[in-house]
C-alpha atoms as a PDB file:
ATOM      1  CA  UNK A   1      99.378 110.363  79.861  1.00  0.00           C
ATOM      2  CA  UNK A   2      97.546 113.220  80.451  1.00  0.00           C
ATOM      3  CA  UNK A   3      96.003 115.521  83.365  1.00  0.00           C
ATOM      4  CA  UNK A   4      93.368 118.090  84.343  1.00  0.00           C
ATOM      5  CA  UNK A   5      92.870 120.495  86.772  1.00  0.00           C
ATOM      6  CA  UNK A   6      89.293 120.875  88.770  1.00  0.00           C
ATOM      7  CA  UNK A   7      88.189 123.657  91.474  1.00  0.00           C
ATOM      8  CA  UNK A   8      87.175 122.177  94.716  1.00  0.00           C
ATOM      9  CA  UNK A   9      86.764 124.256  97.776  1.00  0.00           C
ATOM     10  CA  UNK A  10      87.909 127.844  97.938  1.00  0.00           C
ATOM     11  CA  UNK A  11      91.417 127.718  97.675  1.00  0.00           C
ATOM     12  CA  UNK A  12      92.256 123.870  96.406  1.00  0.00           C
ATOM     13  CA  UNK A  13      92.331 122.397  93.286  1.00  0.00           C
ATOM     14  CA  UNK A  14      91.893 118.781  92.164  1.00  0.00           C
ATOM     15  CA  UNK A  15      94.853 117.792  90.130  1.00  0.00           C
ATOM     16  CA  UNK A  16      93.926 114.577  87.876  1.00  0.00           C
ATOM     17  CA  UNK A  17      96.524 112.191  86.369  1.00  0.00           C
ATOM     18  CA  UNK A  18      95.632 109.797  83.702  1.00  0.00           C
ATOM     19  CA  UNK A  19      98.031 106.320  83.628  1.00  0.00           C
ATOM     20  CA  UNK A  20      97.335 103.706  81.440  1.00  0.00           C
ATOM     21  CA  UNK A  21      93.679 104.328  81.660  1.00  0.00           C
ATOM     22  CA  UNK A  22      93.532 104.895  85.637  1.00  0.00           C
ATOM     23  CA  UNK A  23      93.073 108.126  87.197  1.00  0.00           C
ATOM     24  CA  UNK A  24      94.999 109.280  90.289  1.00  0.00           C
ATOM     25  CA  UNK A  25      93.917 112.270  92.279  1.00  0.00           C
ATOM     26  CA  UNK A  26      95.628 114.908  94.250  1.00  0.00           C
ATOM     27  CA  UNK A  27      94.452 117.910  96.198  1.00  0.00           C
ATOM     28  CA  UNK A  28      96.277 120.835  96.166  1.00  0.00           C
ATOM     29  CA  UNK A  29      95.711 124.217  98.470  1.00  0.00           C
ATOM     30  CA  UNK A  30      96.489 127.646  97.442  1.00  0.00           C
ATOM     31  CA  UNK A  31      96.158 128.986  94.094  1.00  0.00           C
ATOM     32  CA  UNK A  32      95.827 127.698  90.534  1.00  0.00           C
ATOM     33  CA  UNK A  33      99.082 128.191  89.538  1.00  0.00           C
ATOM     34  CA  UNK A  34     100.558 125.880  92.509  1.00  0.00           C
ATOM     35  CA  UNK A  35      98.087 123.143  91.220  1.00  0.00           C
ATOM     36  CA  UNK A  36      99.252 123.841  87.536  1.00  0.00           C
ATOM     37  CA  UNK A  37     102.655 123.332  88.740  1.00  0.00           C
ATOM     38  CA  UNK A  38     102.131 119.976  90.852  1.00  0.00           C
ATOM     39  CA  UNK A  39     100.676 118.546  87.643  1.00  0.00           C
ATOM     40  CA  UNK A  40     103.744 119.668  85.319  1.00  0.00           C
ATOM     41  CA  UNK A  41     105.729 118.200  87.904  1.00  0.00           C
ATOM     42  CA  UNK A  42     104.067 114.764  88.066  1.00  0.00           C
ATOM     43  CA  UNK A  43     104.043 114.913  84.058  1.00  0.00           C
ATOM     44  CA  UNK A  44     107.773 115.536  83.921  1.00  0.00           C
ATOM     45  CA  UNK A  45     108.586 112.557  86.604  1.00  0.00           C
ATOM     46  CA  UNK A  46     106.174 110.483  84.274  1.00  0.00           C
ATOM     47  CA  UNK A  47     108.124 111.549  81.278  1.00  0.00           C
ATOM     48  CA  UNK A  48     111.419 110.761  82.910  1.00  0.00           C
ATOM     49  CA  UNK A  49     110.710 107.422  84.536  1.00  0.00           C
ATOM     50  CA  UNK A  50     111.141 109.068  88.097  1.00  0.00           C
ATOM     51  CA  UNK A  51     107.186 108.900  89.250  1.00  0.00           C
ATOM     52  CA  UNK A  52     106.798 106.459  92.033  1.00  0.00           C
ATOM     53  CA  UNK A  53     102.968 105.635  92.736  1.00  0.00           C
ATOM     54  CA  UNK A  54     102.010 106.157  96.490  1.00  0.00           C
ATOM     55  CA  UNK A  55     101.455 103.448  98.538  1.00  0.00           C
ATOM     56  CA  UNK A  56     100.191 102.897 101.599  1.00  0.00           C
ATOM     57  CA  UNK A  57     102.876 100.840 103.192  1.00  0.00           C
ATOM     58  CA  UNK A  58     103.115 101.109 106.996  1.00  0.00           C
ATOM     59  CA  UNK A  59     106.589 102.269 108.593  1.00  0.00           C
ATOM     60  CA  UNK A  60     106.916  98.522 109.644  1.00  0.00           C
ATOM     61  CA  UNK A  61     106.861  97.183 106.070  1.00  0.00           C
ATOM     62  CA  UNK A  62     109.038  99.907 104.642  1.00  0.00           C
ATOM     63  CA  UNK A  63     111.545  98.702 107.309  1.00  0.00           C
ATOM     64  CA  UNK A  64     111.257  95.520 106.591  1.00  0.00           C
ATOM     65  CA  UNK A  65     111.964  95.463 102.841  1.00  0.00           C
ATOM     66  CA  UNK A  66     114.616  98.147 103.675  1.00  0.00           C
ATOM     67  CA  UNK A  67     116.282  95.326 105.903  1.00  0.00           C
ATOM     68  CA  UNK A  68     115.832  92.744 103.001  1.00  0.00           C
ATOM     69  CA  UNK A  69     117.300  94.761 100.823  1.00  0.00           C
ATOM     70  CA  UNK A  70     120.655  95.289 102.736  1.00  0.00           C
ATOM     71  CA  UNK A  71     120.716  91.551 103.743  1.00  0.00           C
ATOM     72  CA  UNK A  72     120.822  92.538 107.278  1.00  0.00           C
ATOM     73  CA  UNK A  73     117.689  90.084 108.419  1.00  0.00           C
END
């Protein structure tokens, strides 16, 4: 796993993370140091196994999953 930082518009940076040959991209507003900090956090989460890949789950899907886990449904 590795990552990179690339300048975008003034005051924003693209943080790219490569996981298993796939690229994940994030935009960070602020200074380059902020983008580097964000990339370091992502890499740390990957190394420790606490990284959760973002999904486009709706609130209803999220709550339904939670209810199934709690056996309340």
